[in-house]
Structures are given as C-alpha cells and as structure tokens.
C-alpha cells in the first residue's frame, strides 16, 4: 500500500496513491489528469510552499505588516525563514509589493509587503 494524498492541482481533488522509493516518485495512481502526477512528483521530490506571515512595523496605525514570499520556498526552509522574520522590523510608510527582505533563508527568494501602510505621527 502506497502513500495517499489529495491532489490540489484542480478542483476535482483526486485521491492519489503514490509509490515512493528513496524519496523518488516511482508511480502514481488515482489521478484523472497529468497535473496529478506533476503535483505528486513535486510534493515528494521537492515540496515548496508560499509563505505568508507578519513582521513588525513601526510608525504605522497597525503594529504588524502582512508579508508574503515572492515565490514558493523549499519546505525545509520554512522554519528558518520564520525565525529570520521574527527579527525584521520595518518603518512606515510601506507599499504593497515592496521588498522587505532580498534573500529569505538563503533561498534568493524575496519577502514582499502584502499591503500598504501609511506613516502616522
């Protein structure tokens, strides 16, 4: 019996049955389209996630600024990225899409402001 997962590549949500050998996908069953196999391969061999969180902001109405990674991060780098973000403090004003950090957790992926916040006071 293989590993089971639900494919999220399309709204259908096929239940996939995976055979994995040495962290490599060897077979996929249950997918109704090719996207299911691509999704399974990515999840087994190189899982990634878009990271959304908040960082501290000063001189703004809010004390927290929502942020998002510009691209999906390798899943094994998420914890390191979160630890880095705990130390980030930015000053208002900030515009949505502004780069908050150039290289998140040594991945080369940018951390972006997810909303604009005006300076107060």
PDB file of N, CA and C in Angstrom:
ATOM      1  N   UNK A   1       0.845  -1.191   0.000  1.00  0.00           N
ATOM      2  CA  UNK A   1       0.000   0.000   0.000  1.00  0.00           C
ATOM      3  C   UNK A   1       0.883   1.245   0.000  1.00  0.00           C
ATOM      4  N   UNK A   2       0.599   2.173  -0.898  1.00  0.00           N
ATOM      5  CA  UNK A   2       1.400   3.373  -1.031  1.00  0.00           C
ATOM      6  C   UNK A   2       0.895   4.512  -0.171  1.00  0.00           C
ATOM      7  N   UNK A   3       1.628   5.589  -0.246  1.00  0.00           N
ATOM      8  CA  UNK A   3       1.248   6.817   0.453  1.00  0.00           C
ATOM      9  C   UNK A   3       0.050   7.434  -0.266  1.00  0.00           C
ATOM     10  N   UNK A   4      -0.872   7.989   0.495  1.00  0.00           N
ATOM     11  CA  UNK A   4      -2.065   8.615  -0.081  1.00  0.00           C
ATOM     12  C   UNK A   4      -2.003  10.124   0.123  1.00  0.00           C
ATOM     13  N   UNK A   5      -2.499  10.841  -0.882  1.00  0.00           N
ATOM     14  CA  UNK A   5      -2.630  12.294  -0.758  1.00  0.00           C
ATOM     15  C   UNK A   5      -3.722  12.764  -1.706  1.00  0.00           C
ATOM     16  N   UNK A   6      -4.265  13.922  -1.403  1.00  0.00           N
ATOM     17  CA  UNK A   6      -5.268  14.543  -2.260  1.00  0.00           C
ATOM     18  C   UNK A   6      -4.565  15.551  -3.157  1.00  0.00           C
ATOM     19  N   UNK A   7      -4.805  15.447  -4.443  1.00  0.00           N
ATOM     20  CA  UNK A   7      -4.235  16.389  -5.402  1.00  0.00           C
ATOM     21  C   UNK A   7      -5.013  17.702  -5.320  1.00  0.00           C
ATOM     22  N   UNK A   8      -4.291  18.808  -5.265  1.00  0.00           N
ATOM     23  CA  UNK A   8      -4.933  20.126  -5.211  1.00  0.00           C
ATOM     24  C   UNK A   8      -4.648  20.946  -6.473  1.00  0.00           C
ATOM     25  N   UNK A   9      -4.247  20.281  -7.547  1.00  0.00           N
ATOM     26  CA  UNK A   9      -3.946  20.985  -8.797  1.00  0.00           C
ATOM     27  C   UNK A   9      -5.187  21.507  -9.502  1.00  0.00           C
ATOM     28  N   UNK A  10      -6.327  20.880  -9.245  1.00  0.00           N
ATOM     29  CA  UNK A  10      -7.578  21.340  -9.844  1.00  0.00           C
ATOM     30  C   UNK A  10      -8.707  21.094  -8.841  1.00  0.00           C
ATOM     31  N   UNK A  11      -9.884  21.610  -9.090  1.00  0.00           N
ATOM     32  CA  UNK A  11     -10.986  21.468  -8.129  1.00  0.00           C
ATOM     33  C   UNK A  11     -11.476  20.036  -7.912  1.00  0.00           C
ATOM     34  N   UNK A  12     -11.129  19.121  -8.790  1.00  0.00           N
ATOM     35  CA  UNK A  12     -11.632  17.750  -8.668  1.00  0.00           C
ATOM     36  C   UNK A  12     -11.132  17.062  -7.395  1.00  0.00           C
ATOM     37  N   UNK A  13      -9.882  17.285  -7.002  1.00  0.00           N
ATOM     38  CA  UNK A  13      -9.350  16.718  -5.764  1.00  0.00           C
ATOM     39  C   UNK A  13      -9.195  15.207  -5.794  1.00  0.00           C
ATOM     40  N   UNK A  14      -8.505  14.690  -6.798  1.00  0.00           N
ATOM     41  CA  UNK A  14      -8.304  13.239  -6.917  1.00  0.00           C
ATOM     42  C   UNK A  14      -7.517  12.701  -5.721  1.00  0.00           C
ATOM     43  N   UNK A  15      -7.896  11.507  -5.263  1.00  0.00           N
ATOM     44  CA  UNK A  15      -7.120  10.834  -4.223  1.00  0.00           C
ATOM     45  C   UNK A  15      -6.018  10.044  -4.917  1.00  0.00           C
ATOM     46  N   UNK A  16      -4.784  10.436  -4.654  1.00  0.00           N
ATOM     47  CA  UNK A  16      -3.633   9.816  -5.295  1.00  0.00           C
ATOM     48  C   UNK A  16      -3.051   8.735  -4.395  1.00  0.00           C
ATOM     49  N   UNK A  17      -2.597   7.675  -5.006  1.00  0.00           N
ATOM     50  CA  UNK A  17      -1.869   6.624  -4.298  1.00  0.00           C
ATOM     51  C   UNK A  17      -0.471   6.611  -4.898  1.00  0.00           C
ATOM     52  N   UNK A  18       0.517   6.883  -4.063  1.00  0.00           N
ATOM     53  CA  UNK A  18       1.889   7.054  -4.527  1.00  0.00           C
ATOM     54  C   UNK A  18       2.766   5.901  -4.084  1.00  0.00           C
ATOM     55  N   UNK A  19       3.662   5.523  -4.959  1.00  0.00           N
ATOM     56  CA  UNK A  19       4.737   4.601  -4.610  1.00  0.00           C
ATOM     57  C   UNK A  19       6.022   5.420  -4.657  1.00  0.00           C
ATOM     58  N   UNK A  20       6.762   5.381  -3.550  1.00  0.00           N
ATOM     59  CA  UNK A  20       7.969   6.188  -3.413  1.00  0.00           C
ATOM     60  C   UNK A  20       9.128   5.270  -3.044  1.00  0.00           C
ATOM     61  N   UNK A  21      10.275   5.491  -3.677  1.00  0.00           N
ATOM     62  CA  UNK A  21      11.472   4.723  -3.379  1.00  0.00           C
ATOM     63  C   UNK A  21      12.643   5.694  -3.274  1.00  0.00           C
ATOM     64  N   UNK A  22      13.295   5.735  -2.115  1.00  0.00           N
ATOM     65  CA  UNK A  22      14.431   6.641  -1.886  1.00  0.00           C
ATOM     66  C   UNK A  22      14.093   8.090  -2.215  1.00  0.00           C
ATOM     67  N   UNK A  23      12.956   8.559  -1.730  1.00  0.00           N
ATOM     68  CA  UNK A  23      12.484   9.930  -1.922  1.00  0.00           C
ATOM     69  C   UNK A  23      12.258  10.290  -3.393  1.00  0.00           C
ATOM     70  N   UNK A  24      12.029   9.291  -4.221  1.00  0.00           N
ATOM     71  CA  UNK A  24      11.706   9.495  -5.638  1.00  0.00           C
ATOM     72  C   UNK A  24      10.363   8.842  -5.917  1.00  0.00           C
ATOM     73  N   UNK A  25       9.522   9.544  -6.635  1.00  0.00           N
ATOM     74  CA  UNK A  25       8.217   9.017  -7.008  1.00  0.00           C
ATOM     75  C   UNK A  25       8.399   7.965  -8.099  1.00  0.00           C
ATOM     76  N   UNK A  26       7.884   6.757  -7.848  1.00  0.00           N
ATOM     77  CA  UNK A  26       8.013   5.693  -8.844  1.00  0.00           C
ATOM     78  C   UNK A  26       6.702   5.415  -9.570  1.00  0.00           C
ATOM     79  N   UNK A  27       5.554   5.686  -8.921  1.00  0.00           N
ATOM     80  CA  UNK A  27       4.271   5.539  -9.622  1.00  0.00           C
ATOM     81  C   UNK A  27       3.179   6.322  -8.918  1.00  0.00           C
ATOM     82  N   UNK A  28       2.181   6.712  -9.708  1.00  0.00           N
ATOM     83  CA  UNK A  28       1.013   7.438  -9.198  1.00  0.00           C
ATOM     84  C   UNK A  28      -0.228   6.766  -9.757  1.00  0.00           C
ATOM     85  N   UNK A  29      -1.201   6.540  -8.894  1.00  0.00           N
ATOM     86  CA  UNK A  29      -2.499   6.012  -9.329  1.00  0.00           C
ATOM     87  C   UNK A  29      -3.583   6.916  -8.757  1.00  0.00           C
ATOM     88  N   UNK A  30      -4.708   6.958  -9.439  1.00  0.00           N
ATOM     89  CA  UNK A  30      -5.851   7.729  -8.955  1.00  0.00           C
ATOM     90  C   UNK A  30      -6.001   9.095  -9.585  1.00  0.00           C
ATOM     91  N   UNK A  31      -4.998   9.540 -10.334  1.00  0.00           N
ATOM     92  CA  UNK A  31      -5.088  10.859 -10.962  1.00  0.00           C
ATOM     93  C   UNK A  31      -5.850  10.758 -12.276  1.00  0.00           C
ATOM     94  N   UNK A  32      -6.739  11.718 -12.504  1.00  0.00           N
ATOM     95  CA  UNK A  32      -7.515  11.748 -13.744  1.00  0.00           C
ATOM     96  C   UNK A  32      -6.855  12.596 -14.830  1.00  0.00           C
ATOM     97  N   UNK A  33      -5.774  13.293 -14.477  1.00  0.00           N
ATOM     98  CA  UNK A  33      -5.073  14.109 -15.472  1.00  0.00           C
ATOM     99  C   UNK A  33      -3.579  14.124 -15.161  1.00  0.00           C
ATOM    100  N   UNK A  34      -2.791  14.667 -16.082  1.00  0.00           N
ATOM    101  CA  UNK A  34      -1.331  14.707 -15.910  1.00  0.00           C
ATOM    102  C   UNK A  34      -0.903  15.624 -14.774  1.00  0.00           C
ATOM    103  N   UNK A  35      -1.751  16.602 -14.459  1.00  0.00           N
ATOM    104  CA  UNK A  35      -1.396  17.524 -13.374  1.00  0.00           C
ATOM    105  C   UNK A  35      -1.254  16.786 -12.053  1.00  0.00           C
ATOM    106  N   UNK A  36      -2.010  15.721 -11.869  1.00  0.00           N
ATOM    107  CA  UNK A  36      -1.916  14.934 -10.639  1.00  0.00           C
ATOM    108  C   UNK A  36      -0.546  14.323 -10.465  1.00  0.00           C
ATOM    109  N   UNK A  37       0.003  13.794 -11.539  1.00  0.00           N
ATOM    110  CA  UNK A  37       1.345  13.214 -11.466  1.00  0.00           C
ATOM    111  C   UNK A  37       2.390  14.294 -11.204  1.00  0.00           C
ATOM    112  N   UNK A  38       2.253  15.438 -11.865  1.00  0.00           N
ATOM    113  CA  UNK A  38       3.198  16.541 -11.648  1.00  0.00           C
ATOM    114  C   UNK A  38       3.128  17.035 -10.205  1.00  0.00           C
ATOM    115  N   UNK A  39       1.904  17.171  -9.675  1.00  0.00           N
ATOM    116  CA  UNK A  39       1.722  17.601  -8.290  1.00  0.00           C
ATOM    117  C   UNK A  39       2.381  16.608  -7.338  1.00  0.00           C
ATOM    118  N   UNK A  40       2.124  15.326  -7.529  1.00  0.00           N
ATOM    119  CA  UNK A  40       2.680  14.294  -6.653  1.00  0.00           C
ATOM    120  C   UNK A  40       4.202  14.301  -6.701  1.00  0.00           C
ATOM    121  N   UNK A  41       4.767  14.405  -7.898  1.00  0.00           N
ATOM    122  CA  UNK A  41       6.229  14.416  -8.033  1.00  0.00           C
ATOM    123  C   UNK A  41       6.828  15.609  -7.282  1.00  0.00           C
ATOM    124  N   UNK A  42       6.225  16.757  -7.444  1.00  0.00           N
ATOM    125  CA  UNK A  42       6.700  17.955  -6.751  1.00  0.00           C
ATOM    126  C   UNK A  42       6.624  17.788  -5.234  1.00  0.00           C
ATOM    127  N   UNK A  43       5.507  17.263  -4.744  1.00  0.00           N
ATOM    128  CA  UNK A  43       5.327  17.091  -3.297  1.00  0.00           C
ATOM    129  C   UNK A  43       6.293  16.071  -2.704  1.00  0.00           C
ATOM    130  N   UNK A  44       6.636  15.052  -3.455  1.00  0.00           N
ATOM    131  CA  UNK A  44       7.541  14.014  -2.960  1.00  0.00           C
ATOM    132  C   UNK A  44       8.998  14.447  -3.093  1.00  0.00           C
ATOM    133  N   UNK A  45       9.359  14.984  -4.237  1.00  0.00           N
ATOM    134  CA  UNK A  45      10.763  15.220  -4.542  1.00  0.00           C
ATOM    135  C   UNK A  45      11.259  16.621  -4.209  1.00  0.00           C
ATOM    136  N   UNK A  46      10.387  17.611  -4.249  1.00  0.00           N
ATOM    137  CA  UNK A  46      10.807  18.985  -3.960  1.00  0.00           C
ATOM    138  C   UNK A  46       9.611  19.803  -3.475  1.00  0.00           C
ATOM    139  N   UNK A  47       9.118  19.516  -2.270  1.00  0.00           N
ATOM    140  CA  UNK A  47       7.940  20.246  -1.788  1.00  0.00           C
ATOM    141  C   UNK A  47       8.257  21.714  -1.516  1.00  0.00           C
ATOM    142  N   UNK A  48       7.346  22.585  -1.932  1.00  0.00           N
ATOM    143  CA  UNK A  48       7.507  24.024  -1.714  1.00  0.00           C
ATOM    144  C   UNK A  48       6.204  24.599  -1.181  1.00  0.00           C
ATOM    145  N   UNK A  49       6.311  25.766  -0.544  1.00  0.00           N
ATOM    146  CA  UNK A  49       5.141  26.456  -0.017  1.00  0.00           C
ATOM    147  C   UNK A  49       5.334  27.962  -0.159  1.00  0.00           C
ATOM    148  N   UNK A  50       4.258  28.671  -0.492  1.00  0.00           N
ATOM    149  CA  UNK A  50       4.268  30.127  -0.408  1.00  0.00           C
ATOM    150  C   UNK A  50       4.116  30.457   1.070  1.00  0.00           C
ATOM    151  N   UNK A  51       4.973  31.325   1.573  1.00  0.00           N
ATOM    152  CA  UNK A  51       4.961  31.676   2.991  1.00  0.00           C
ATOM    153  C   UNK A  51       4.241  33.003   3.186  1.00  0.00           C
ATOM    154  N   UNK A  52       3.235  33.009   4.026  1.00  0.00           N
ATOM    155  CA  UNK A  52       2.561  34.243   4.423  1.00  0.00           C
ATOM    156  C   UNK A  52       2.693  34.382   5.927  1.00  0.00           C
ATOM    157  N   UNK A  53       2.957  35.590   6.382  1.00  0.00           N
ATOM    158  CA  UNK A  53       3.130  35.834   7.811  1.00  0.00           C
ATOM    159  C   UNK A  53       3.008  37.335   8.060  1.00  0.00           C
ATOM    160  N   UNK A  54       3.528  37.772   9.192  1.00  0.00           N
ATOM    161  CA  UNK A  54       3.574  39.193   9.526  1.00  0.00           C
ATOM    162  C   UNK A  54       4.943  39.531  10.104  1.00  0.00           C
ATOM    163  N   UNK A  55       5.362  40.784   9.928  1.00  0.00           N
ATOM    164  CA  UNK A  55       6.563  41.313  10.575  1.00  0.00           C
ATOM    165  C   UNK A  55       6.171  42.587  11.313  1.00  0.00           C
ATOM    166  N   UNK A  56       7.010  43.005  12.207  1.00  0.00           N
ATOM    167  CA  UNK A  56       6.760  44.218  12.985  1.00  0.00           C
ATOM    168  C   UNK A  56       6.968  45.454  12.116  1.00  0.00           C
ATOM    169  N   UNK A  57       6.056  46.416  12.277  1.00  0.00           N
ATOM    170  CA  UNK A  57       6.193  47.698  11.587  1.00  0.00           C
ATOM    171  C   UNK A  57       6.045  48.814  12.616  1.00  0.00           C
ATOM    172  N   UNK A  58       6.894  49.830  12.487  1.00  0.00           N
ATOM    173  CA  UNK A  58       6.836  50.995  13.374  1.00  0.00           C
ATOM    174  C   UNK A  58       6.276  52.188  12.613  1.00  0.00           C
ATOM    175  N   UNK A  59       5.736  53.128  13.366  1.00  0.00           N
ATOM    176  CA  UNK A  59       5.224  54.394  12.828  1.00  0.00           C
ATOM    177  C   UNK A  59       4.034  54.195  11.894  1.00  0.00           C
ATOM    178  N   UNK A  60       3.247  53.163  12.150  1.00  0.00           N
ATOM    179  CA  UNK A  60       2.035  52.898  11.363  1.00  0.00           C
ATOM    180  C   UNK A  60       0.884  52.656  12.321  1.00  0.00           C
ATOM    181  N   UNK A  61      -0.343  52.769  11.822  1.00  0.00           N
ATOM    182  CA  UNK A  61      -1.526  52.533  12.648  1.00  0.00           C
ATOM    183  C   UNK A  61      -1.526  51.104  13.199  1.00  0.00           C
ATOM    184  N   UNK A  62      -1.112  50.165  12.381  1.00  0.00           N
ATOM    185  CA  UNK A  62      -1.008  48.763  12.791  1.00  0.00           C
ATOM    186  C   UNK A  62       0.408  48.492  13.295  1.00  0.00           C
ATOM    187  N   UNK A  63       0.557  47.521  14.156  1.00  0.00           N
ATOM    188  CA  UNK A  63       1.887  47.137  14.638  1.00  0.00           C
ATOM    189  C   UNK A  63       2.467  45.975  13.838  1.00  0.00           C
ATOM    190  N   UNK A  64       1.631  45.369  12.972  1.00  0.00           N
ATOM    191  CA  UNK A  64       2.068  44.227  12.173  1.00  0.00           C
ATOM    192  C   UNK A  64       1.806  44.477  10.693  1.00  0.00           C
ATOM    193  N   UNK A  65       2.766  44.076   9.874  1.00  0.00           N
ATOM    194  CA  UNK A  65       2.673  44.204   8.423  1.00  0.00           C
ATOM    195  C   UNK A  65       2.579  42.807   7.815  1.00  0.00           C
ATOM    196  N   UNK A  66       1.510  42.506   7.087  1.00  0.00           N
ATOM    197  CA  UNK A  66       1.444  41.202   6.426  1.00  0.00           C
ATOM    198  C   UNK A  66       2.474  41.121   5.298  1.00  0.00           C
ATOM    199  N   UNK A  67       3.123  39.963   5.202  1.00  0.00           N
ATOM    200  CA  UNK A  67       4.150  39.737   4.182  1.00  0.00           C
ATOM    201  C   UNK A  67       3.903  38.401   3.489  1.00  0.00           C
ATOM    202  N   UNK A  68       4.503  38.256   2.303  1.00  0.00           N
ATOM    203  CA  UNK A  68       4.365  37.024   1.522  1.00  0.00           C
ATOM    204  C   UNK A  68       5.652  36.788   0.742  1.00  0.00           C
ATOM    205  N   UNK A  69       6.024  35.535   0.592  1.00  0.00           N
ATOM    206  CA  UNK A  69       7.197  35.224  -0.226  1.00  0.00           C
ATOM    207  C   UNK A  69       6.834  35.444  -1.697  1.00  0.00           C
ATOM    208  N   UNK A  70       7.786  35.979  -2.455  1.00  0.00           N
ATOM    209  CA  UNK A  70       7.548  36.269  -3.871  1.00  0.00           C
ATOM    210  C   UNK A  70       7.378  34.990  -4.688  1.00  0.00           C
ATOM    211  N   UNK A  71       7.928  33.901  -4.201  1.00  0.00           N
ATOM    212  CA  UNK A  71       7.839  32.593  -4.854  1.00  0.00           C
ATOM    213  C   UNK A  71       7.718  31.530  -3.765  1.00  0.00           C
ATOM    214  N   UNK A  72       7.308  30.337  -4.126  1.00  0.00           N
ATOM    215  CA  UNK A  72       7.286  29.263  -3.130  1.00  0.00           C
ATOM    216  C   UNK A  72       8.699  28.953  -2.627  1.00  0.00           C
ATOM    217  N   UNK A  73       8.810  28.737  -1.325  1.00  0.00           N
ATOM    218  CA  UNK A  73      10.075  28.367  -0.687  1.00  0.00           C
ATOM    219  C   UNK A  73      10.167  26.852  -0.572  1.00  0.00           C
ATOM    220  N   UNK A  74      11.384  26.303  -0.604  1.00  0.00           N
ATOM    221  CA  UNK A  74      11.518  24.882  -0.279  1.00  0.00           C
ATOM    222  C   UNK A  74      10.957  24.637   1.130  1.00  0.00           C
ATOM    223  N   UNK A  75      10.176  23.598   1.277  1.00  0.00           N
ATOM    224  CA  UNK A  75       9.500  23.324   2.545  1.00  0.00           C
ATOM    225  C   UNK A  75      10.488  23.225   3.708  1.00  0.00           C
ATOM    226  N   UNK A  76      11.674  22.681   3.459  1.00  0.00           N
ATOM    227  CA  UNK A  76      12.659  22.525   4.531  1.00  0.00           C
ATOM    228  C   UNK A  76      13.263  23.860   4.979  1.00  0.00           C
ATOM    229  N   UNK A  77      12.987  24.955   4.261  1.00  0.00           N
ATOM    230  CA  UNK A  77      13.500  26.280   4.634  1.00  0.00           C
ATOM    231  C   UNK A  77      12.460  27.131   5.368  1.00  0.00           C
ATOM    232  N   UNK A  78      11.241  26.643   5.509  1.00  0.00           N
ATOM    233  CA  UNK A  78      10.164  27.435   6.115  1.00  0.00           C
ATOM    234  C   UNK A  78      10.494  27.828   7.552  1.00  0.00           C
ATOM    235  N   UNK A  79      10.930  26.883   8.364  1.00  0.00           N
ATOM    236  CA  UNK A  79      11.229  27.187   9.768  1.00  0.00           C
ATOM    237  C   UNK A  79      12.335  28.238   9.882  1.00  0.00           C
ATOM    238  N   UNK A  80      13.388  28.102   9.090  1.00  0.00           N
ATOM    239  CA  UNK A  80      14.479  29.081   9.091  1.00  0.00           C
ATOM    240  C   UNK A  80      13.968  30.462   8.668  1.00  0.00           C
ATOM    241  N   UNK A  81      13.113  30.501   7.673  1.00  0.00           N
ATOM    242  CA  UNK A  81      12.549  31.769   7.198  1.00  0.00           C
ATOM    243  C   UNK A  81      11.715  32.432   8.287  1.00  0.00           C
ATOM    244  N   UNK A  82      10.918  31.661   8.994  1.00  0.00           N
ATOM    245  CA  UNK A  82      10.089  32.208  10.073  1.00  0.00           C
ATOM    246  C   UNK A  82      10.968  32.779  11.179  1.00  0.00           C
ATOM    247  N   UNK A  83      12.047  32.091  11.519  1.00  0.00           N
ATOM    248  CA  UNK A  83      12.975  32.601  12.541  1.00  0.00           C
ATOM    249  C   UNK A  83      13.588  33.927  12.100  1.00  0.00           C
ATOM    250  N   UNK A  84      13.973  34.033  10.831  1.00  0.00           N
ATOM    251  CA  UNK A  84      14.522  35.293  10.307  1.00  0.00           C
ATOM    252  C   UNK A  84      13.496  36.416  10.397  1.00  0.00           C
ATOM    253  N   UNK A  85      12.252  36.107  10.071  1.00  0.00           N
ATOM    254  CA  UNK A  85      11.211  37.136  10.037  1.00  0.00           C
ATOM    255  C   UNK A  85      10.902  37.687  11.427  1.00  0.00           C
ATOM    256  N   UNK A  86      11.162  36.917  12.463  1.00  0.00           N
ATOM    257  CA  UNK A  86      10.929  37.406  13.831  1.00  0.00           C
ATOM    258  C   UNK A  86      11.789  38.627  14.145  1.00  0.00           C
ATOM    259  N   UNK A  87      12.919  38.757  13.457  1.00  0.00           N
ATOM    260  CA  UNK A  87      13.849  39.859  13.716  1.00  0.00           C
ATOM    261  C   UNK A  87      13.668  41.039  12.767  1.00  0.00           C
ATOM    262  N   UNK A  88      12.743  40.946  11.855  1.00  0.00           N
ATOM    263  CA  UNK A  88      12.533  42.026  10.885  1.00  0.00           C
ATOM    264  C   UNK A  88      11.625  43.092  11.482  1.00  0.00           C
ATOM    265  N   UNK A  89      12.094  44.334  11.432  1.00  0.00           N
ATOM    266  CA  UNK A  89      11.300  45.492  11.847  1.00  0.00           C
ATOM    267  C   UNK A  89      11.426  46.520  10.730  1.00  0.00           C
ATOM    268  N   UNK A  90      10.302  46.985  10.221  1.00  0.00           N
ATOM    269  CA  UNK A  90      10.311  47.987   9.158  1.00  0.00           C
ATOM    270  C   UNK A  90       9.616  49.249   9.645  1.00  0.00           C
ATOM    271  N   UNK A  91       9.936  50.356   9.017  1.00  0.00           N
ATOM    272  CA  UNK A  91       9.297  51.628   9.336  1.00  0.00           C
ATOM    273  C   UNK A  91       8.331  52.007   8.217  1.00  0.00           C
ATOM    274  N   UNK A  92       7.178  52.507   8.621  1.00  0.00           N
ATOM    275  CA  UNK A  92       6.198  53.014   7.657  1.00  0.00           C
ATOM    276  C   UNK A  92       6.753  54.299   7.056  1.00  0.00           C
ATOM    277  N   UNK A  93       6.362  54.651   5.858  1.00  0.00           N
ATOM    278  CA  UNK A  93       5.354  54.021   5.016  1.00  0.00           C
ATOM    279  C   UNK A  93       5.917  52.822   4.252  1.00  0.00           C
ATOM    280  N   UNK A  94       5.036  51.888   3.940  1.00  0.00           N
ATOM    281  CA  UNK A  94       5.379  50.706   3.146  1.00  0.00           C
ATOM    282  C   UNK A  94       4.292  50.535   2.090  1.00  0.00           C
ATOM    283  N   UNK A  95       4.712  50.205   0.876  1.00  0.00           N
ATOM    284  CA  UNK A  95       3.751  49.980  -0.214  1.00  0.00           C
ATOM    285  C   UNK A  95       3.637  48.490  -0.507  1.00  0.00           C
ATOM    286  N   UNK A  96       2.430  48.059  -0.825  1.00  0.00           N
ATOM    287  CA  UNK A  96       2.209  46.665  -1.209  1.00  0.00           C
ATOM    288  C   UNK A  96       3.166  46.281  -2.336  1.00  0.00           C
ATOM    289  N   UNK A  97       3.809  45.134  -2.202  1.00  0.00           N
ATOM    290  CA  UNK A  97       4.762  44.667  -3.205  1.00  0.00           C
ATOM    291  C   UNK A  97       6.190  45.108  -2.945  1.00  0.00           C
ATOM    292  N   UNK A  98       6.388  46.018  -1.991  1.00  0.00           N
ATOM    293  CA  UNK A  98       7.733  46.483  -1.654  1.00  0.00           C
ATOM    294  C   UNK A  98       8.552  45.327  -1.088  1.00  0.00           C
ATOM    295  N   UNK A  99       9.826  45.274  -1.470  1.00  0.00           N
ATOM    296  CA  UNK A  99      10.711  44.218  -0.978  1.00  0.00           C
ATOM    297  C   UNK A  99      11.081  44.517   0.472  1.00  0.00           C
ATOM    298  N   UNK A 100      10.783  43.587   1.350  1.00  0.00           N
ATOM    299  CA  UNK A 100      11.099  43.714   2.771  1.00  0.00           C
ATOM    300  C   UNK A 100      12.436  43.047   3.071  1.00  0.00           C
ATOM    301  N   UNK A 101      12.717  41.932   2.408  1.00  0.00           N
ATOM    302  CA  UNK A 101      13.994  41.223   2.543  1.00  0.00           C
ATOM    303  C   UNK A 101      14.327  40.608   1.189  1.00  0.00           C
ATOM    304  N   UNK A 102      15.586  40.779   0.758  1.00  0.00           N
ATOM    305  CA  UNK A 102      16.011  40.302  -0.565  1.00  0.00           C
ATOM    306  C   UNK A 102      16.233  38.799  -0.653  1.00  0.00           C
ATOM    307  N   UNK A 103      16.724  38.198   0.416  1.00  0.00           N
ATOM    308  CA  UNK A 103      17.131  36.791   0.364  1.00  0.00           C
ATOM    309  C   UNK A 103      16.628  36.081   1.612  1.00  0.00           C
ATOM    310  N   UNK A 104      15.474  35.481   1.514  1.00  0.00           N
ATOM    311  CA  UNK A 104      14.840  34.836   2.659  1.00  0.00           C
ATOM    312  C   UNK A 104      15.430  33.447   2.876  1.00  0.00           C
ATOM    313  N   UNK A 105      16.039  33.236   4.017  1.00  0.00           N
ATOM    314  CA  UNK A 105      16.598  31.944   4.442  1.00  0.00           C
ATOM    315  C   UNK A 105      17.607  31.379   3.441  1.00  0.00           C
ATOM    316  N   UNK A 106      18.363  32.263   2.798  1.00  0.00           N
ATOM    317  CA  UNK A 106      19.394  31.818   1.868  1.00  0.00           C
ATOM    318  C   UNK A 106      18.867  31.196   0.587  1.00  0.00           C
ATOM    319  N   UNK A 107      17.614  31.467   0.251  1.00  0.00           N
ATOM    320  CA  UNK A 107      16.995  30.873  -0.943  1.00  0.00           C
ATOM    321  C   UNK A 107      17.067  31.781  -2.164  1.00  0.00           C
ATOM    322  N   UNK A 108      17.377  33.063  -1.944  1.00  0.00           N
ATOM    323  CA  UNK A 108      17.336  34.034  -3.033  1.00  0.00           C
ATOM    324  C   UNK A 108      15.934  34.539  -3.320  1.00  0.00           C
ATOM    325  N   UNK A 109      14.963  34.074  -2.533  1.00  0.00           N
ATOM    326  CA  UNK A 109      13.568  34.469  -2.720  1.00  0.00           C
ATOM    327  C   UNK A 109      13.273  35.703  -1.876  1.00  0.00           C
ATOM    328  N   UNK A 110      12.587  36.662  -2.482  1.00  0.00           N
ATOM    329  CA  UNK A 110      12.273  37.922  -1.804  1.00  0.00           C
ATOM    330  C   UNK A 110      11.044  37.781  -0.909  1.00  0.00           C
ATOM    331  N   UNK A 111      11.048  38.564   0.174  1.00  0.00           N
ATOM    332  CA  UNK A 111       9.886  38.703   1.046  1.00  0.00           C
ATOM    333  C   UNK A 111       9.263  40.053   0.726  1.00  0.00           C
ATOM    334  N   UNK A 112       7.961  40.057   0.422  1.00  0.00           N
ATOM    335  CA  UNK A 112       7.267  41.268  -0.021  1.00  0.00           C
ATOM    336  C   UNK A 112       6.195  41.706   0.966  1.00  0.00           C
ATOM    337  N   UNK A 113       5.964  43.019   1.023  1.00  0.00           N
ATOM    338  CA  UNK A 113       4.834  43.541   1.795  1.00  0.00           C
ATOM    339  C   UNK A 113       3.549  43.126   1.087  1.00  0.00           C
ATOM    340  N   UNK A 114       2.590  42.636   1.850  1.00  0.00           N
ATOM    341  CA  UNK A 114       1.327  42.180   1.267  1.00  0.00           C
ATOM    342  C   UNK A 114       0.250  43.259   1.307  1.00  0.00           C
ATOM    343  N   UNK A 115       0.558  44.404   1.912  1.00  0.00           N
ATOM    344  CA  UNK A 115      -0.375  45.536   1.891  1.00  0.00           C
ATOM    345  C   UNK A 115       0.406  46.817   2.127  1.00  0.00           C
ATOM    346  N   UNK A 116      -0.213  47.917   1.801  1.00  0.00           N
ATOM    347  CA  UNK A 116       0.386  49.234   2.029  1.00  0.00           C
ATOM    348  C   UNK A 116      -0.033  49.734   3.401  1.00  0.00           C
ATOM    349  N   UNK A 117       0.903  50.372   4.097  1.00  0.00           N
ATOM    350  CA  UNK A 117       0.594  51.017   5.376  1.00  0.00           C
ATOM    351  C   UNK A 117       1.224  52.401   5.379  1.00  0.00           C
ATOM    352  N   UNK A 118       0.415  53.398   5.738  1.00  0.00           N
ATOM    353  CA  UNK A 118       0.876  54.782   5.782  1.00  0.00           C
ATOM    354  C   UNK A 118       1.598  55.064   7.088  1.00  0.00           C
ATOM    355  N   UNK A 119       2.449  56.081   7.036  1.00  0.00           N
ATOM    356  CA  UNK A 119       3.140  56.557   8.224  1.00  0.00           C
ATOM    357  C   UNK A 119       2.184  57.433   9.019  1.00  0.00           C
ATOM    358  N   UNK A 120       2.211  57.278  10.342  1.00  0.00           N
ATOM    359  CA  UNK A 120       1.411  58.152  11.205  1.00  0.00           C
ATOM    360  C   UNK A 120       2.345  58.931  12.117  1.00  0.00           C
ATOM    361  N   UNK A 121       1.839  60.050  12.600  1.00  0.00           N
ATOM    362  CA  UNK A 121       2.575  60.851  13.573  1.00  0.00           C
ATOM    363  C   UNK A 121       3.724  61.497  13.000  1.00  0.00           C
TER     364      UNK A 121
END
